[in-house]
PDB file of N, CA and C in Angstrom:
ATOM      1  N   MET A   1       0.846  -1.183   0.000  1.00  0.00           N
ATOM      2  CA  MET A   1       0.000   0.000   0.000  1.00  0.00           C
ATOM      3  C   MET A   1       0.890   1.245   0.000  1.00  0.00           C
ATOM      4  N   SER A   2       0.709   2.099  -0.953  1.00  0.00           N
ATOM      5  CA  SER A   2       1.509   3.317  -1.000  1.00  0.00           C
ATOM      6  C   SER A   2       0.719   4.471  -0.395  1.00  0.00           C
ATOM      7  N   ASP A   3       1.424   5.257   0.372  1.00  0.00           N
ATOM      8  CA  ASP A   3       0.836   6.416   1.042  1.00  0.00           C
ATOM      9  C   ASP A   3       0.909   7.628   0.125  1.00  0.00           C
ATOM     10  N   GLN A   4      -0.077   8.490   0.219  1.00  0.00           N
ATOM     11  CA  GLN A   4       0.000   9.768  -0.473  1.00  0.00           C
ATOM     12  C   GLN A   4       0.627  10.754   0.507  1.00  0.00           C
ATOM     13  N   TYR A   5       1.546  11.564   0.040  1.00  0.00           N
ATOM     14  CA  TYR A   5       2.211  12.542   0.879  1.00  0.00           C
ATOM     15  C   TYR A   5       1.566  13.902   0.653  1.00  0.00           C
ATOM     16  N   LEU A   6       1.153  14.524   1.744  1.00  0.00           N
ATOM     17  CA  LEU A   6       0.413  15.775   1.694  1.00  0.00           C
ATOM     18  C   LEU A   6       1.304  16.959   2.047  1.00  0.00           C
ATOM     19  N   THR A   7       1.049  18.076   1.417  1.00  0.00           N
ATOM     20  CA  THR A   7       1.756  19.306   1.774  1.00  0.00           C
ATOM     21  C   THR A   7       1.148  19.867   3.061  1.00  0.00           C
ATOM     22  N   VAL A   8       1.840  20.820   3.642  1.00  0.00           N
ATOM     23  CA  VAL A   8       1.329  21.480   4.846  1.00  0.00           C
ATOM     24  C   VAL A   8      -0.010  22.149   4.540  1.00  0.00           C
ATOM     25  N   ALA A   9      -0.120  22.747   3.368  1.00  0.00           N
ATOM     26  CA  ALA A   9      -1.375  23.407   2.975  1.00  0.00           C
ATOM     27  C   ALA A   9      -2.516  22.402   2.858  1.00  0.00           C
ATOM     28  N   GLN A  10      -2.248  21.229   2.306  1.00  0.00           N
ATOM     29  CA  GLN A  10      -3.279  20.196   2.176  1.00  0.00           C
ATOM     30  C   GLN A  10      -3.714  19.684   3.546  1.00  0.00           C
ATOM     31  N   VAL A  11      -2.765  19.506   4.455  1.00  0.00           N
ATOM     32  CA  VAL A  11      -3.091  19.055   5.815  1.00  0.00           C
ATOM     33  C   VAL A  11      -3.939  20.106   6.518  1.00  0.00           C
ATOM     34  N   ALA A  12      -3.556  21.355   6.402  1.00  0.00           N
ATOM     35  CA  ALA A  12      -4.321  22.444   7.018  1.00  0.00           C
ATOM     36  C   ALA A  12      -5.744  22.475   6.471  1.00  0.00           C
ATOM     37  N   ASP A  13      -5.881  22.269   5.179  1.00  0.00           N
ATOM     38  CA  ASP A  13      -7.201  22.261   4.555  1.00  0.00           C
ATOM     39  C   ASP A  13      -8.051  21.109   5.093  1.00  0.00           C
ATOM     40  N   ARG A  14      -7.467  19.936   5.219  1.00  0.00           N
ATOM     41  CA  ARG A  14      -8.214  18.778   5.739  1.00  0.00           C
ATOM     42  C   ARG A  14      -8.623  18.958   7.189  1.00  0.00           C
ATOM     43  N   LEU A  15      -7.761  19.613   7.965  1.00  0.00           N
ATOM     44  CA  LEU A  15      -8.068  19.827   9.380  1.00  0.00           C
ATOM     45  C   LEU A  15      -8.943  21.064   9.593  1.00  0.00           C
ATOM     46  N   GLY A  16      -9.072  21.887   8.575  1.00  0.00           N
ATOM     47  CA  GLY A  16      -9.860  23.110   8.712  1.00  0.00           C
ATOM     48  C   GLY A  16      -9.156  24.153   9.560  1.00  0.00           C
ATOM     49  N   THR A  17      -7.837  24.200   9.448  1.00  0.00           N
ATOM     50  CA  THR A  17      -7.036  25.140  10.232  1.00  0.00           C
ATOM     51  C   THR A  17      -6.163  25.968   9.306  1.00  0.00           C
ATOM     52  N   SER A  18      -5.418  26.873   9.903  1.00  0.00           N
ATOM     53  CA  SER A  18      -4.419  27.610   9.125  1.00  0.00           C
ATOM     54  C   SER A  18      -3.187  26.718   8.968  1.00  0.00           C
ATOM     55  N   GLU A  19      -2.258  27.113   8.127  1.00  0.00           N
ATOM     56  CA  GLU A  19      -1.028  26.333   7.932  1.00  0.00           C
ATOM     57  C   GLU A  19      -0.150  26.348   9.180  1.00  0.00           C
ATOM     58  N   ARG A  20      -0.373  27.292  10.031  1.00  0.00           N
ATOM     59  CA  ARG A  20       0.442  27.401  11.245  1.00  0.00           C
ATOM     60  C   ARG A  20       0.276  26.165  12.148  1.00  0.00           C
ATOM     61  N   PHE A  21      -0.935  25.626  12.221  1.00  0.00           N
ATOM     62  CA  PHE A  21      -1.181  24.493  13.106  1.00  0.00           C
ATOM     63  C   PHE A  21      -0.393  23.247  12.690  1.00  0.00           C
ATOM     64  N   PRO A  22      -0.473  22.784  11.427  1.00  0.00           N
ATOM     65  CA  PRO A  22       0.343  21.619  11.066  1.00  0.00           C
ATOM     66  C   PRO A  22       1.850  21.895  11.163  1.00  0.00           C
ATOM     67  N   ARG A  23       2.249  23.129  10.915  1.00  0.00           N
ATOM     68  CA  ARG A  23       3.678  23.453  11.076  1.00  0.00           C
ATOM     69  C   ARG A  23       4.097  23.318  12.537  1.00  0.00           C
ATOM     70  N   ARG A  24       3.202  23.692  13.455  1.00  0.00           N
ATOM     71  CA  ARG A  24       3.503  23.531  14.875  1.00  0.00           C
ATOM     72  C   ARG A  24       3.567  22.058  15.258  1.00  0.00           C
ATOM     73  N   LEU A  25       2.654  21.239  14.693  1.00  0.00           N
ATOM     74  CA  LEU A  25       2.690  19.803  14.938  1.00  0.00           C
ATOM     75  C   LEU A  25       4.030  19.218  14.495  1.00  0.00           C
ATOM     76  N   ILE A  26       4.525  19.686  13.361  1.00  0.00           N
ATOM     77  CA  ILE A  26       5.815  19.220  12.845  1.00  0.00           C
ATOM     78  C   ILE A  26       6.944  19.687  13.760  1.00  0.00           C
ATOM     79  N   ALA A  27       6.949  20.947  14.124  1.00  0.00           N
ATOM     80  CA  ALA A  27       8.010  21.510  14.968  1.00  0.00           C
ATOM     81  C   ALA A  27       8.074  20.814  16.325  1.00  0.00           C
ATOM     82  N   GLU A  28       6.919  20.455  16.868  1.00  0.00           N
ATOM     83  CA  GLU A  28       6.861  19.795  18.183  1.00  0.00           C
ATOM     84  C   GLU A  28       6.967  18.280  18.066  1.00  0.00           C
ATOM     85  N   ARG A  29       7.152  17.770  16.836  1.00  0.00           N
ATOM     86  CA  ARG A  29       7.278  16.329  16.561  1.00  0.00           C
ATOM     87  C   ARG A  29       6.059  15.551  17.056  1.00  0.00           C
ATOM     88  N   ARG A  30       4.869  16.148  16.885  1.00  0.00           N
ATOM     89  CA  ARG A  30       3.624  15.502  17.309  1.00  0.00           C
ATOM     90  C   ARG A  30       2.960  14.735  16.184  1.00  0.00           C
ATOM     91  N   ILE A  31       3.526  14.827  14.966  1.00  0.00           N
ATOM     92  CA  ILE A  31       3.001  14.104  13.819  1.00  0.00           C
ATOM     93  C   ILE A  31       4.200  13.637  12.985  1.00  0.00           C
ATOM     94  N   THR A  32       4.055  12.475  12.387  1.00  0.00           N
ATOM     95  CA  THR A  32       5.111  11.933  11.531  1.00  0.00           C
ATOM     96  C   THR A  32       5.180  12.745  10.245  1.00  0.00           C
ATOM     97  N   PHE A  33       6.388  13.045   9.813  1.00  0.00           N
ATOM     98  CA  PHE A  33       6.548  13.784   8.566  1.00  0.00           C
ATOM     99  C   PHE A  33       7.797  13.296   7.841  1.00  0.00           C
ATOM    100  N   VAL A  34       7.873  13.647   6.566  1.00  0.00           N
ATOM    101  CA  VAL A  34       9.007  13.295   5.724  1.00  0.00           C
ATOM    102  C   VAL A  34       9.607  14.590   5.204  1.00  0.00           C
ATOM    103  N   LYS A  35      10.909  14.712   5.337  1.00  0.00           N
ATOM    104  CA  LYS A  35      11.585  15.905   4.839  1.00  0.00           C
ATOM    105  C   LYS A  35      12.400  15.509   3.618  1.00  0.00           C
ATOM    106  N   ILE A  36      12.105  16.138   2.495  1.00  0.00           N
ATOM    107  CA  ILE A  36      12.806  15.881   1.245  1.00  0.00           C
ATOM    108  C   ILE A  36      13.424  17.205   0.818  1.00  0.00           C
ATOM    109  N   GLY A  37      14.681  17.362   1.100  1.00  0.00           N
ATOM    110  CA  GLY A  37      15.329  18.647   0.844  1.00  0.00           C
ATOM    111  C   GLY A  37      14.684  19.707   1.711  1.00  0.00           C
ATOM    112  N   ALA A  38      14.195  20.757   1.077  1.00  0.00           N
ATOM    113  CA  ALA A  38      13.537  21.833   1.810  1.00  0.00           C
ATOM    114  C   ALA A  38      12.038  21.593   1.964  1.00  0.00           C
ATOM    115  N   HIS A  39      11.539  20.508   1.368  1.00  0.00           N
ATOM    116  CA  HIS A  39      10.108  20.231   1.384  1.00  0.00           C
ATOM    117  C   HIS A  39       9.735  19.308   2.531  1.00  0.00           C
ATOM    118  N   VAL A  40       8.600  19.594   3.146  1.00  0.00           N
ATOM    119  CA  VAL A  40       8.074  18.763   4.228  1.00  0.00           C
ATOM    120  C   VAL A  40       6.751  18.187   3.752  1.00  0.00           C
ATOM    121  N   ARG A  41       6.602  16.880   3.913  1.00  0.00           N
ATOM    122  CA  ARG A  41       5.367  16.204   3.530  1.00  0.00           C
ATOM    123  C   ARG A  41       4.902  15.331   4.688  1.00  0.00           C
ATOM    124  N   ILE A  42       3.589  15.204   4.813  1.00  0.00           N
ATOM    125  CA  ILE A  42       3.000  14.378   5.866  1.00  0.00           C
ATOM    126  C   ILE A  42       2.267  13.220   5.201  1.00  0.00           C
ATOM    127  N   PRO A  43       2.636  11.987   5.548  1.00  0.00           N
ATOM    128  CA  PRO A  43       1.922  10.844   4.970  1.00  0.00           C
ATOM    129  C   PRO A  43       0.450  10.879   5.374  1.00  0.00           C
ATOM    130  N   GLU A  44      -0.414  10.534   4.441  1.00  0.00           N
ATOM    131  CA  GLU A  44      -1.852  10.533   4.705  1.00  0.00           C
ATOM    132  C   GLU A  44      -2.189   9.621   5.885  1.00  0.00           C
ATOM    133  N   SER A  45      -1.491   8.500   6.001  1.00  0.00           N
ATOM    134  CA  SER A  45      -1.747   7.578   7.114  1.00  0.00           C
ATOM    135  C   SER A  45      -1.383   8.213   8.457  1.00  0.00           C
ATOM    136  N   ALA A  46      -0.347   9.055   8.485  1.00  0.00           N
ATOM    137  CA  ALA A  46       0.033   9.743   9.722  1.00  0.00           C
ATOM    138  C   ALA A  46      -1.038  10.752  10.128  1.00  0.00           C
ATOM    139  N   LEU A  47      -1.608  11.437   9.147  1.00  0.00           N
ATOM    140  CA  LEU A  47      -2.692  12.382   9.441  1.00  0.00           C
ATOM    141  C   LEU A  47      -3.917  11.638   9.962  1.00  0.00           C
ATOM    142  N   ASP A  48      -4.252  10.519   9.327  1.00  0.00           N
ATOM    143  CA  ASP A  48      -5.388   9.710   9.788  1.00  0.00           C
ATOM    144  C   ASP A  48      -5.163   9.216  11.215  1.00  0.00           C
ATOM    145  N   ALA A  49      -3.934   8.791  11.522  1.00  0.00           N
ATOM    146  CA  ALA A  49      -3.609   8.316  12.871  1.00  0.00           C
ATOM    147  C   ALA A  49      -3.703   9.452  13.885  1.00  0.00           C
ATOM    148  N   TYR A  50      -3.233  10.642  13.501  1.00  0.00           N
ATOM    149  CA  TYR A  50      -3.311  11.801  14.391  1.00  0.00           C
ATOM    150  C   TYR A  50      -4.769  12.133  14.716  1.00  0.00           C
ATOM    151  N   ILE A  51      -5.608  12.103  13.701  1.00  0.00           N
ATOM    152  CA  ILE A  51      -7.032  12.391  13.900  1.00  0.00           C
ATOM    153  C   ILE A  51      -7.671  11.315  14.775  1.00  0.00           C
ATOM    154  N   ALA A  52      -7.348  10.051  14.531  1.00  0.00           N
ATOM    155  CA  ALA A  52      -7.912   8.951  15.317  1.00  0.00           C
ATOM    156  C   ALA A  52      -7.493   9.044  16.784  1.00  0.00           C
ATOM    157  N   THR A  53      -6.258   9.437  17.013  1.00  0.00           N
ATOM    158  CA  THR A  53      -5.762   9.570  18.388  1.00  0.00           C
ATOM    159  C   THR A  53      -6.509  10.666  19.141  1.00  0.00           C
ATOM    160  N   GLY A  54      -6.876  11.717  18.454  1.00  0.00           N
ATOM    161  CA  GLY A  54      -7.558  12.836  19.101  1.00  0.00           C
ATOM    162  C   GLY A  54      -9.070  12.721  19.122  1.00  0.00           C
ATOM    163  N   THR A  55      -9.597  11.659  18.538  1.00  0.00           N
ATOM    164  CA  THR A  55     -11.046  11.500  18.483  1.00  0.00           C
ATOM    165  C   THR A  55     -11.583  11.017  19.828  1.00  0.00           C
ATOM    166  N   VAL A  56     -12.568  11.722  20.339  1.00  0.00           N
ATOM    167  CA  VAL A  56     -13.187  11.382  21.619  1.00  0.00           C
ATOM    168  C   VAL A  56     -14.557  10.779  21.331  1.00  0.00           C
ATOM    169  N   PRO A  57     -14.787   9.529  21.792  1.00  0.00           N
ATOM    170  CA  PRO A  57     -16.079   8.890  21.515  1.00  0.00           C
ATOM    171  C   PRO A  57     -17.217   9.544  22.295  1.00  0.00           C
ATOM    172  N   ALA A  58     -18.411   9.447  21.736  1.00  0.00           N
ATOM    173  CA  ALA A  58     -19.597   9.984  22.399  1.00  0.00           C
ATOM    174  C   ALA A  58     -19.937   9.143  23.624  1.00  0.00           C
ATOM    175  N   VAL A  59     -20.517   9.779  24.611  1.00  0.00           N
ATOM    176  CA  VAL A  59     -20.933   9.095  25.836  1.00  0.00           C
ATOM    177  C   VAL A  59     -22.443   9.216  25.946  1.00  0.00           C
ATOM    178  N   ARG A  60     -23.072   8.125  26.304  1.00  0.00           N
ATOM    179  CA  ARG A  60     -24.518   8.166  26.487  1.00  0.00           C
ATOM    180  C   ARG A  60     -24.848   9.022  27.695  1.00  0.00           C
ATOM    181  N   SER A  61     -25.917   9.764  27.612  1.00  0.00           N
ATOM    182  CA  SER A  61     -26.303  10.621  28.728  1.00  0.00           C
ATOM    183  C   SER A  61     -26.859   9.764  29.865  1.00  0.00           C
ATOM    184  N   ARG A  62     -26.940  10.346  31.036  1.00  0.00           N
ATOM    185  CA  ARG A  62     -27.469   9.609  32.196  1.00  0.00           C
ATOM    186  C   ARG A  62     -28.908   9.178  31.959  1.00  0.00           C
ATOM    187  N   ARG A  63     -29.672  10.010  31.304  1.00  0.00           N
ATOM    188  CA  ARG A  63     -31.058   9.667  31.010  1.00  0.00           C
ATOM    189  C   ARG A  63     -31.148   8.384  30.196  1.00  0.00           C
ATOM    190  N   ASP A  64     -30.282   8.279  29.181  1.00  0.00           N
ATOM    191  CA  ASP A  64     -30.276   7.095  28.338  1.00  0.00           C
ATOM    192  C   ASP A  64     -29.924   5.840  29.130  1.00  0.00           C
ATOM    193  N   ARG A  65     -29.011   5.978  30.077  1.00  0.00           N
ATOM    194  CA  ARG A  65     -28.571   4.833  30.860  1.00  0.00           C
ATOM    195  C   ARG A  65     -29.672   4.328  31.812  1.00  0.00           C
ATOM    196  N   ARG A  66     -30.536   5.215  32.244  1.00  0.00           N
ATOM    197  CA  ARG A  66     -31.615   4.789  33.155  1.00  0.00           C
ATOM    198  C   ARG A  66     -32.790   4.182  32.401  1.00  0.00           C
ATOM    199  N   GLY A  67     -32.735   4.236  31.089  1.00  0.00           N
ATOM    200  CA  GLY A  67     -33.794   3.635  30.298  1.00  0.00           C
ATOM    201  C   GLY A  67     -34.987   4.534  30.076  1.00  0.00           C
ATOM    202  N   ARG A  68     -34.892   5.783  30.445  1.00  0.00           N
ATOM    203  CA  ARG A  68     -36.003   6.714  30.235  1.00  0.00           C
ATOM    204  C   ARG A  68     -35.901   7.343  28.853  1.00  0.00           C
ATOM    205  N   ALA A  69     -37.020   7.688  28.337  1.00  0.00           N
ATOM    206  CA  ALA A  69     -37.059   8.348  27.022  1.00  0.00           C
ATOM    207  C   ALA A  69     -36.530   9.767  27.151  1.00  0.00           C
ATOM    208  N   ALA A  70     -35.941  10.237  26.106  1.00  0.00           N
ATOM    209  CA  ALA A  70     -35.355  11.590  26.119  1.00  0.00           C
ATOM    210  C   ALA A  70     -36.384  12.663  26.004  1.00  0.00           C
TER     211      ALA A  70
END
């Protein structure tokens, strides 16, 4: 399986942030990246893993747990 390598701009677009945020992730070594000369690329799988790590699952409300209708 070959990974697609994303630019900082593409990562920012996918995350809905400015380019500053993925650059900070790179600077703080919080995301895997590949440096090719002066270019920095982030593997798509690394971005998916970063998103999965930060995903917080939904919790059922107390009402739902008691079996009462909402």
